[in-house]
Amino acid sequence: MKLDQAIIKKLAEHLENCELEAQDTLKITEDYPDMDFEDAYAIQDEIRARKIARGHSIAGLKAGLTSHAKMKQMGVTEPVFGFMADYYSVPEGGEVKVSELIHPKVEPEIAFVTKRALKGPGCHIGAVLAATDFLMPGIEVIDSRYRDFKFDLKSVVADNTSAARFVVGGQPARPSDVDLRTVGVVLEKNGEPVALGAGAAVLGHPAAAIAALANNLGRRGMEIPAGTLILSGGVTEAVAVAPGDHITLRVQGMGSTSLRFVE
């Protein structure tokens, strides 16, 4: 680690205030260019601790930057990881207030719910599938706190990987009933398809993102508990949204889920 605890706490407070007040900021590595990934996750962990101290709970975990093309572009070899607070959760068909966010975008995802704990190192796709209770369609609303969505990898990890809101729903499916590599995904905005993809866009297999999360947590002395909801990462590029937009995600064999954006 390059940063001391006082700076980590200060940066966590700054980034969380930007989230809560819907105010953007410049990426934190501009002021702290020497910070490393350990620092970045320590800032994220401090943001989580701040939320828990105020009485919030953690609703799930998430992976980001899960396409090989995006990782190559950013010069990394594995995804980034974050958490979802309870108030990020939106009921199926529910509303998201754009006034509470800065510049929201949506991503179509496949959500996993575990029935057994997963712990790295050495976690792999087979272990993830064996530990998965069911799968669901999920829409993640991402909202980077950085101005114009411009950031580097360490800054976005510290900012809890742009997590903001999410919805899951549809028809839960068993992993044995779905080929997650070929499963088709359609994201619609106001009734029109705006993004199409297949599960293989996520690291070749969405379960690979869950395995990478377990291995990342294992290196930090943590695990994925049984009963955890995990968003495995965007199957397509993120799509910008505005007040009045109605977003629906359809996943082959898993039905659909949706949410609406209001002022």
Protein backbone atom coordinates (compact mmCIF):
# COMPACT_ATOMS: atom_id res chain seq x y z
CA MET A 1 0.00 0.00 0.00
CA LYS A 2 1.14 3.54 -0.80
CA LEU A 3 -1.50 5.55 1.10
CA ASP A 4 -1.87 5.87 4.86
CA GLN A 5 -5.12 5.16 6.66
CA ALA A 6 -6.02 8.83 7.09
CA ILE A 7 -5.87 9.45 3.33
CA ILE A 8 -7.85 6.26 2.61
CA LYS A 9 -10.60 7.43 4.97
CA LYS A 10 -10.56 10.92 3.44
CA LEU A 11 -10.87 9.59 -0.12
CA ALA A 12 -13.63 7.16 0.89
CA GLU A 13 -15.60 10.00 2.47
CA HIS A 14 -15.09 12.16 -0.62
CA LEU A 15 -16.19 9.49 -3.10
CA GLU A 16 -19.18 8.41 -1.02
CA ASN A 17 -20.30 12.03 -0.62
CA CYS A 18 -20.09 12.40 -4.41
CA GLU A 19 -22.40 9.38 -4.72
CA LEU A 20 -24.88 10.53 -2.07
CA GLU A 21 -25.00 14.12 -3.33
CA ALA A 22 -24.88 13.23 -7.08
CA GLN A 23 -21.81 15.42 -7.58
CA ASP A 24 -19.01 14.49 -9.95
CA THR A 25 -15.27 14.72 -9.27
CA LEU A 26 -11.95 14.34 -11.03
CA LYS A 27 -10.35 10.91 -10.79
CA ILE A 28 -8.50 10.53 -7.50
CA THR A 29 -5.26 9.31 -9.10
CA GLU A 30 -4.69 12.87 -10.34
CA ASP A 31 -3.90 13.84 -6.74
CA TYR A 32 -2.53 10.42 -5.71
CA PRO A 33 -0.75 9.01 -8.79
CA ASP A 34 1.25 6.49 -6.76
CA MET A 35 -1.74 4.71 -5.23
CA ASP A 36 -1.92 0.98 -5.97
CA PHE A 37 -4.74 -1.56 -6.27
CA GLU A 38 -4.45 -2.45 -2.59
CA ASP A 39 -5.15 1.19 -1.80
CA ALA A 40 -8.06 1.24 -4.25
CA TYR A 41 -9.78 -1.76 -2.65
CA ALA A 42 -9.04 -0.36 0.82
CA ILE A 43 -10.91 2.84 -0.15
CA GLN A 44 -13.82 0.74 -1.46
CA ASP A 45 -13.82 -1.30 1.77
CA GLU A 46 -13.94 1.92 3.78
CA ILE A 47 -16.95 3.11 1.75
CA ARG A 48 -18.69 -0.18 2.54
CA ALA A 49 -17.84 0.21 6.25
CA ARG A 50 -19.29 3.74 6.22
CA LYS A 51 -22.59 2.44 4.81
CA ILE A 52 -22.79 -0.43 7.31
CA ALA A 53 -22.04 1.98 10.18
CA ARG A 54 -25.10 4.00 9.11
CA GLY A 55 -27.31 0.90 9.26
CA HIS A 56 -27.24 -0.24 5.63
CA SER A 57 -26.64 -3.85 4.62
CA ILE A 58 -24.85 -5.35 1.62
CA ALA A 59 -27.33 -6.72 -0.94
CA GLY A 60 -24.80 -8.43 -3.18
CA LEU A 61 -21.50 -8.33 -5.03
CA LYS A 62 -20.59 -7.44 -8.60
CA ALA A 63 -17.95 -7.86 -11.25
CA GLY A 64 -17.07 -5.19 -13.79
CA LEU A 65 -14.82 -4.84 -16.81
CA THR A 66 -15.59 -8.44 -17.74
CA SER A 67 -15.06 -8.45 -21.49
CA HIS A 68 -11.67 -9.50 -22.83
CA ALA A 69 -11.69 -6.53 -25.23
CA LYS A 70 -12.29 -4.06 -22.38
CA MET A 71 -9.59 -5.66 -20.22
CA LYS A 72 -7.09 -5.52 -23.08
CA GLN A 73 -8.01 -1.88 -23.65
CA MET A 74 -7.41 -1.09 -19.96
CA GLY A 75 -4.26 -3.23 -19.72
CA VAL A 76 -5.53 -5.64 -17.05
CA THR A 77 -5.81 -9.40 -16.80
CA GLU A 78 -8.88 -9.76 -14.57
CA PRO A 79 -12.13 -7.90 -13.90
CA VAL A 80 -12.69 -5.39 -11.13
CA PHE A 81 -15.06 -6.06 -8.25
CA GLY A 82 -17.45 -4.15 -6.02
CA PHE A 83 -20.50 -4.45 -3.77
CA MET A 84 -24.16 -3.44 -3.88
CA ALA A 85 -25.74 -1.71 -0.89
CA ASP A 86 -29.33 -2.47 0.08
CA TYR A 87 -30.66 0.87 -1.18
CA TYR A 88 -29.27 0.17 -4.68
CA SER A 89 -31.96 -2.49 -5.11
CA VAL A 90 -34.95 -1.56 -7.29
CA PRO A 91 -38.14 -3.70 -7.33
CA GLU A 92 -39.00 -5.37 -10.63
CA GLY A 93 -40.66 -2.79 -12.85
CA GLY A 94 -39.75 -0.09 -10.33
CA GLU A 95 -38.48 3.45 -10.74
CA VAL A 96 -35.00 4.94 -10.63
CA LYS A 97 -34.80 8.68 -9.95
CA VAL A 98 -32.31 10.23 -12.35
CA SER A 99 -32.05 13.25 -10.03
CA GLU A 100 -30.28 11.00 -7.50
CA LEU A 101 -27.61 10.05 -10.05
CA ILE A 102 -24.98 11.84 -12.13
CA HIS A 103 -24.89 10.23 -15.61
CA PRO A 104 -26.52 6.77 -15.40
CA LYS A 105 -26.09 3.95 -17.86
CA VAL A 106 -27.53 0.42 -17.89
CA GLU A 107 -25.86 -2.93 -18.48
CA PRO A 108 -27.53 -6.32 -19.12
CA GLU A 109 -26.20 -8.95 -16.74
CA ILE A 110 -26.71 -12.51 -15.59
CA ALA A 111 -27.13 -12.71 -11.83
CA PHE A 112 -25.96 -15.69 -9.78
CA VAL A 113 -27.27 -16.67 -6.35
CA THR A 114 -25.03 -19.04 -4.39
CA LYS A 115 -26.12 -21.94 -2.21
CA ARG A 116 -22.64 -22.65 -0.85
CA ALA A 117 -19.69 -20.42 0.01
CA LEU A 118 -16.99 -19.91 -2.61
CA LYS A 119 -13.41 -19.16 -1.66
CA GLY A 120 -10.21 -18.70 -3.59
CA PRO A 121 -7.47 -19.20 -4.52
CA GLY A 122 -8.08 -21.84 -7.16
CA CYS A 123 -11.80 -21.22 -7.67
CA HIS A 124 -12.91 -22.19 -11.19
CA ILE A 125 -16.02 -22.33 -13.37
CA GLY A 126 -16.97 -25.85 -12.24
CA ALA A 127 -16.83 -24.87 -8.58
CA VAL A 128 -18.97 -21.81 -9.27
CA LEU A 129 -21.65 -23.79 -11.12
CA ALA A 130 -21.72 -26.43 -8.36
CA ALA A 131 -22.18 -23.71 -5.73
CA THR A 132 -24.86 -21.79 -7.66
CA ASP A 133 -28.48 -22.17 -6.56
CA PHE A 134 -30.08 -20.31 -9.49
CA LEU A 135 -29.56 -17.65 -12.17
CA MET A 136 -31.68 -14.59 -13.06
CA PRO A 137 -31.67 -11.68 -15.49
CA GLY A 138 -30.27 -8.53 -13.90
CA ILE A 139 -29.98 -4.91 -15.02
CA GLU A 140 -27.22 -2.90 -13.39
CA VAL A 141 -27.38 0.88 -13.36
CA ILE A 142 -23.82 2.17 -13.32
CA ASP A 143 -23.04 5.78 -12.47
CA SER A 144 -19.38 6.70 -12.20
CA ARG A 145 -18.73 9.54 -9.81
CA TYR A 146 -15.95 10.73 -12.12
CA ARG A 147 -16.54 13.66 -14.47
CA ASP A 148 -17.64 12.61 -17.96
CA PHE A 149 -17.19 8.92 -17.02
CA LYS A 150 -13.41 9.42 -17.37
CA PHE A 151 -11.33 7.31 -15.00
CA ASP A 152 -8.48 4.85 -14.73
CA LEU A 153 -8.70 1.39 -13.21
CA LYS A 154 -7.54 2.24 -9.69
CA SER A 155 -9.92 5.19 -9.49
CA VAL A 156 -12.91 3.09 -10.57
CA VAL A 157 -12.11 0.32 -8.06
CA ALA A 158 -11.98 2.93 -5.29
CA ASP A 159 -15.35 4.26 -6.52
CA ASN A 160 -16.92 0.80 -5.99
CA THR A 161 -16.82 0.09 -9.74
CA SER A 162 -19.50 2.73 -10.50
CA ALA A 163 -22.21 0.75 -8.67
CA ALA A 164 -25.48 2.68 -8.26
CA ARG A 165 -28.72 0.68 -8.69
CA PHE A 166 -29.83 -2.76 -9.89
CA VAL A 167 -32.89 -4.92 -10.51
CA VAL A 168 -33.19 -8.69 -10.81
CA GLY A 169 -36.21 -10.78 -11.71
CA GLY A 170 -37.58 -12.98 -14.44
CA GLN A 171 -37.76 -16.77 -14.05
CA PRO A 172 -34.93 -18.28 -11.97
CA ALA A 173 -33.08 -21.02 -13.83
CA ARG A 174 -30.80 -23.80 -12.62
CA PRO A 175 -27.24 -23.70 -14.00
CA SER A 176 -27.71 -27.21 -15.41
CA ASP A 177 -30.63 -25.97 -17.54
CA VAL A 178 -28.73 -23.17 -19.31
CA ASP A 179 -25.65 -23.04 -21.53
CA LEU A 180 -24.29 -19.80 -20.16
CA ARG A 181 -21.88 -19.39 -23.06
CA THR A 182 -24.55 -19.30 -25.76
CA VAL A 183 -27.51 -17.89 -23.80
CA GLY A 184 -28.94 -14.90 -25.69
CA VAL A 185 -29.51 -11.49 -24.13
CA VAL A 186 -31.60 -8.60 -25.50
CA LEU A 187 -31.64 -5.16 -23.85
CA GLU A 188 -34.57 -2.95 -24.89
CA LYS A 189 -35.06 0.79 -24.39
CA ASN A 190 -38.62 2.02 -24.80
CA GLY A 191 -39.58 -1.20 -26.60
CA GLU A 192 -36.70 -1.15 -29.10
CA PRO A 193 -33.67 -3.48 -28.93
CA VAL A 194 -30.54 -1.41 -28.24
CA ALA A 195 -28.02 -4.12 -27.31
CA LEU A 196 -27.71 -7.82 -28.17
CA GLY A 197 -25.23 -10.35 -26.82
CA ALA A 198 -24.48 -13.84 -25.56
CA GLY A 199 -23.13 -15.02 -22.23
CA ALA A 200 -19.71 -15.80 -23.68
CA ALA A 201 -19.06 -12.05 -23.90
CA VAL A 202 -18.36 -12.21 -20.15
CA LEU A 203 -14.88 -13.78 -19.96
CA GLY A 204 -15.97 -16.60 -22.27
CA HIS A 205 -18.38 -17.84 -19.57
CA PRO A 206 -20.17 -15.70 -16.92
CA ALA A 207 -19.18 -18.16 -14.17
CA ALA A 208 -15.55 -17.23 -14.87
CA ALA A 209 -16.29 -13.76 -13.51
CA ILE A 210 -17.66 -15.26 -10.27
CA ALA A 211 -14.56 -17.47 -9.97
CA ALA A 212 -12.33 -14.42 -10.48
CA LEU A 213 -14.27 -12.59 -7.75
CA ALA A 214 -13.80 -15.52 -5.34
CA ASN A 215 -10.08 -15.59 -6.10
CA ASN A 216 -9.76 -11.82 -5.62
CA LEU A 217 -11.55 -12.01 -2.26
CA GLY A 218 -9.43 -15.03 -1.28
CA ARG A 219 -6.26 -13.01 -1.74
CA ARG A 220 -7.75 -10.46 0.68
CA GLY A 221 -8.78 -13.10 3.25
CA MET A 222 -12.50 -13.09 2.36
CA GLU A 223 -15.00 -15.37 0.61
CA ILE A 224 -18.36 -15.27 -1.17
CA PRO A 225 -20.88 -16.44 1.45
CA ALA A 226 -23.72 -18.85 0.71
CA GLY A 227 -26.87 -17.01 -0.37
CA THR A 228 -24.99 -14.18 -2.08
CA LEU A 229 -26.44 -12.40 -5.11
CA ILE A 230 -23.70 -11.58 -7.65
CA LEU A 231 -23.95 -9.59 -10.88
CA SER A 232 -21.47 -11.23 -13.24
CA GLY A 233 -20.73 -8.22 -15.48
CA GLY A 234 -22.12 -6.49 -18.54
CA VAL A 235 -22.85 -8.76 -21.51
CA THR A 236 -22.86 -5.72 -23.83
CA GLU A 237 -21.63 -2.15 -23.75
CA ALA A 238 -23.44 0.13 -21.31
CA VAL A 239 -26.38 2.17 -22.67
CA ALA A 240 -27.05 5.74 -21.52
CA VAL A 241 -30.51 6.49 -20.10
CA ALA A 242 -32.61 9.58 -19.32
CA PRO A 243 -35.89 10.41 -17.55
CA GLY A 244 -38.79 8.71 -19.31
CA ASP A 245 -36.80 5.69 -20.49
CA HIS A 246 -38.19 2.20 -19.84
CA ILE A 247 -35.55 -0.54 -19.88
CA THR A 248 -36.29 -4.26 -20.28
CA LEU A 249 -33.82 -7.13 -20.28
CA ARG A 250 -34.77 -10.47 -21.83
CA VAL A 251 -32.52 -13.49 -21.23
CA GLN A 252 -33.12 -16.73 -23.08
CA GLY A 253 -34.71 -19.28 -20.73
CA MET A 254 -34.87 -16.81 -17.82
CA GLY A 255 -37.68 -14.45 -18.79
CA SER A 256 -37.31 -10.70 -18.37
CA THR A 257 -36.90 -7.92 -15.84
CA SER A 258 -37.35 -4.17 -16.19
CA LEU A 259 -37.13 -0.74 -14.61
CA ARG A 260 -38.09 2.85 -15.45
CA PHE A 261 -36.21 6.12 -15.16
CA VAL A 262 -38.00 9.18 -13.81
CA GLU A 263 -36.91 12.78 -13.11
